[in-house]
N, C-alpha and C. Protein backbone atom coordinates (compact mmCIF):
# COMPACT_ATOMS: atom_id res chain seq x y z
N MET A 1 46.62 74.02 185.38
CA MET A 1 47.85 73.55 185.06
C MET A 1 48.55 72.92 186.31
N ILE A 2 48.18 73.42 187.53
CA ILE A 2 48.63 72.89 188.78
C ILE A 2 47.68 71.82 189.36
N GLU A 3 48.50 70.65 189.52
CA GLU A 3 47.69 69.52 190.20
C GLU A 3 48.58 69.11 191.51
N GLN A 4 47.54 68.84 192.38
CA GLN A 4 48.02 68.37 193.77
C GLN A 4 48.04 66.86 193.68
N VAL A 5 49.23 66.25 194.19
CA VAL A 5 49.34 64.80 194.27
C VAL A 5 49.78 64.46 195.72
N GLU A 6 49.47 63.24 196.04
CA GLU A 6 49.87 62.79 197.32
C GLU A 6 51.31 62.04 197.31
N HIS A 7 52.19 62.54 198.09
CA HIS A 7 53.39 62.02 198.11
C HIS A 7 53.58 61.12 199.34
N PRO A 8 54.16 59.99 199.23
CA PRO A 8 54.10 59.00 200.49
C PRO A 8 54.88 59.61 201.70
N ALA A 9 55.94 60.31 201.45
CA ALA A 9 56.77 60.90 202.54
C ALA A 9 56.48 62.32 202.96
N CYS A 10 55.86 63.12 201.94
CA CYS A 10 55.73 64.58 202.19
C CYS A 10 54.28 64.92 202.31
N GLY A 11 53.37 64.10 201.91
CA GLY A 11 51.97 64.32 201.99
C GLY A 11 51.64 65.01 200.60
N PRO A 12 50.50 65.85 200.74
CA PRO A 12 50.02 66.41 199.52
C PRO A 12 50.94 67.56 198.88
N ILE A 13 51.39 67.50 197.72
CA ILE A 13 52.24 68.45 197.12
C ILE A 13 51.54 68.99 195.86
N LYS A 14 51.79 70.20 195.37
CA LYS A 14 51.43 70.73 194.19
C LYS A 14 52.63 70.58 193.07
N LEU A 15 52.22 70.28 191.95
CA LEU A 15 53.20 70.03 190.69
C LEU A 15 52.52 70.65 189.60
N VAL A 16 53.50 71.04 188.75
CA VAL A 16 52.89 71.66 187.40
C VAL A 16 52.67 70.38 186.54
N ASN A 17 51.42 70.38 186.06
CA ASN A 17 51.02 69.44 185.05
C ASN A 17 51.46 69.68 183.61
N HIS A 18 51.19 68.94 182.75
CA HIS A 18 51.78 69.03 181.36
C HIS A 18 51.16 70.10 180.73
N PRO A 19 51.73 71.17 180.13
CA PRO A 19 51.28 72.37 179.69
C PRO A 19 50.45 72.32 178.43
N VAL A 20 50.86 71.20 177.59
CA VAL A 20 50.27 71.02 176.25
C VAL A 20 49.04 70.11 176.38
N LYS A 21 47.84 70.53 175.84
CA LYS A 21 46.69 69.74 175.81
C LYS A 21 46.53 69.20 174.44
N TYR A 22 46.09 67.90 174.27
CA TYR A 22 45.94 67.23 172.97
C TYR A 22 44.35 66.92 172.96
N SER A 23 43.91 66.65 171.79
CA SER A 23 42.49 66.39 171.40
C SER A 23 42.16 65.07 171.79
N ARG A 24 42.98 64.00 171.69
CA ARG A 24 42.64 62.68 171.99
C ARG A 24 43.06 62.05 173.30
N VAL A 25 44.22 62.53 173.77
CA VAL A 25 44.82 61.93 174.96
C VAL A 25 45.03 63.13 175.97
N GLU A 26 44.74 63.08 177.21
CA GLU A 26 45.00 64.11 178.27
C GLU A 26 46.11 63.44 179.04
N PRO A 27 47.46 64.13 178.89
CA PRO A 27 48.37 63.82 179.68
C PRO A 27 48.23 64.20 181.13
N LYS A 28 48.80 63.25 182.13
CA LYS A 28 48.61 63.60 183.45
C LYS A 28 49.91 63.17 184.17
N ILE A 29 49.95 63.57 185.41
CA ILE A 29 51.12 63.15 186.34
C ILE A 29 50.84 61.74 186.71
N ARG A 30 51.99 60.91 186.58
CA ARG A 30 51.57 59.40 186.79
C ARG A 30 52.03 59.04 188.21
N SER A 31 53.09 59.97 188.80
CA SER A 31 53.50 59.57 190.06
C SER A 31 54.27 60.69 190.83
N PRO A 32 54.27 60.74 192.20
CA PRO A 32 54.98 61.87 192.71
C PRO A 32 56.46 61.74 192.46
N PRO A 33 57.23 62.79 192.60
CA PRO A 33 58.68 62.85 192.39
C PRO A 33 59.34 61.89 193.38
N PRO A 34 60.45 61.28 193.01
CA PRO A 34 61.18 60.31 193.92
C PRO A 34 61.86 61.04 194.92
N MET A 35 62.15 60.44 196.06
CA MET A 35 62.99 60.91 197.12
C MET A 35 64.43 60.89 196.76
N LEU A 36 65.32 61.53 197.52
CA LEU A 36 66.61 61.51 197.28
C LEU A 36 67.35 60.14 197.31
N GLY A 37 67.96 59.87 196.13
CA GLY A 37 68.59 58.37 196.17
C GLY A 37 67.50 57.36 195.96
N GLU A 38 66.34 57.36 195.71
CA GLU A 38 65.39 56.43 195.58
C GLU A 38 65.75 55.47 194.45
N HIS A 39 66.22 55.91 193.25
CA HIS A 39 66.51 55.13 192.19
C HIS A 39 67.95 54.97 191.92
N THR A 40 68.88 55.39 192.84
CA THR A 40 70.37 55.37 192.52
C THR A 40 70.76 53.98 192.13
N TYR A 41 70.45 52.95 192.98
CA TYR A 41 70.96 51.56 192.68
C TYR A 41 70.47 51.23 191.18
N GLU A 42 69.15 51.32 190.86
CA GLU A 42 68.65 50.89 189.46
C GLU A 42 69.54 51.67 188.35
N VAL A 43 69.66 53.04 188.51
CA VAL A 43 70.45 53.73 187.53
C VAL A 43 71.94 53.31 187.33
N LEU A 44 72.57 53.19 188.45
CA LEU A 44 73.88 52.92 188.40
C LEU A 44 74.22 51.47 188.02
N SER A 45 73.26 50.60 188.32
CA SER A 45 73.58 49.18 187.93
C SER A 45 72.95 48.85 186.55
N GLU A 46 71.73 49.13 186.32
CA GLU A 46 71.02 48.88 185.06
C GLU A 46 71.54 49.76 183.76
N VAL A 47 71.65 51.04 184.05
CA VAL A 47 71.90 51.92 183.03
C VAL A 47 73.55 52.07 182.81
N LEU A 48 74.18 52.05 183.95
CA LEU A 48 75.60 52.40 183.64
C LEU A 48 76.45 51.09 183.83
N GLY A 49 75.76 50.04 184.22
CA GLY A 49 76.43 48.79 184.37
C GLY A 49 77.34 48.57 185.48
N LEU A 50 77.37 49.35 186.57
CA LEU A 50 78.19 49.23 187.75
C LEU A 50 77.97 48.11 188.63
N GLY A 51 78.93 47.39 189.27
CA GLY A 51 78.58 46.41 190.05
C GLY A 51 78.30 46.85 191.44
N GLU A 52 77.84 45.69 192.33
CA GLU A 52 77.44 46.21 193.71
C GLU A 52 78.64 46.82 194.38
N SER A 53 79.85 46.24 194.36
CA SER A 53 80.97 46.79 195.09
C SER A 53 81.27 48.19 194.56
N ASP A 54 81.13 48.51 193.41
CA ASP A 54 81.42 49.88 192.91
C ASP A 54 80.30 50.80 193.39
N ILE A 55 79.17 50.34 193.56
CA ILE A 55 77.98 51.22 194.04
C ILE A 55 78.21 51.54 195.56
N GLU A 56 78.58 50.50 196.21
CA GLU A 56 78.82 50.65 197.70
C GLU A 56 79.96 51.48 197.85
N ALA A 57 81.03 51.46 197.13
CA ALA A 57 82.11 52.40 197.29
C ALA A 57 81.65 53.84 197.06
N LEU A 58 80.92 54.06 195.91
CA LEU A 58 80.39 55.37 195.75
C LEU A 58 79.55 55.91 196.99
N LYS A 59 78.70 55.11 197.57
CA LYS A 59 77.83 55.50 198.71
C LYS A 59 78.70 55.85 199.84
N LYS A 60 79.77 55.06 200.24
CA LYS A 60 80.63 55.13 201.29
C LYS A 60 81.46 56.48 201.18
N GLU A 61 81.82 56.83 199.79
CA GLU A 61 82.61 58.14 199.67
C GLU A 61 81.62 59.23 199.54
N LYS A 62 80.13 58.91 199.67
CA LYS A 62 79.08 60.10 199.66
C LYS A 62 79.13 60.73 198.21
N THR A 63 79.59 59.95 197.27
CA THR A 63 79.38 60.58 195.86
C THR A 63 77.98 60.48 195.30
N VAL A 64 77.29 59.40 195.83
CA VAL A 64 75.83 59.22 195.50
C VAL A 64 75.17 59.05 196.88
N ALA A 65 73.81 59.23 196.67
CA ALA A 65 73.00 58.97 197.98
C ALA A 65 72.40 57.67 197.92
C-alpha cells in the first residue's frame, strides 16, 4: 500500500497508495503532492472567479500563499 514517488523539490517520498483494489483497473498515484501555494492562482481565479487584483491583495495580506 505504500508507494515511493519522486517529488521535484523534496526528492523521493513515500505515499499511501489507493487502499481498494479492483479486478479490471489498478488505481495508482498519478503525481506527487503540490507545494504550498502551487495551485493558488488557478483555484482562486478559475474556481472562485477572483480577479488578478483580488488575488494579489490576498497574497499581500498573507491570506493565501
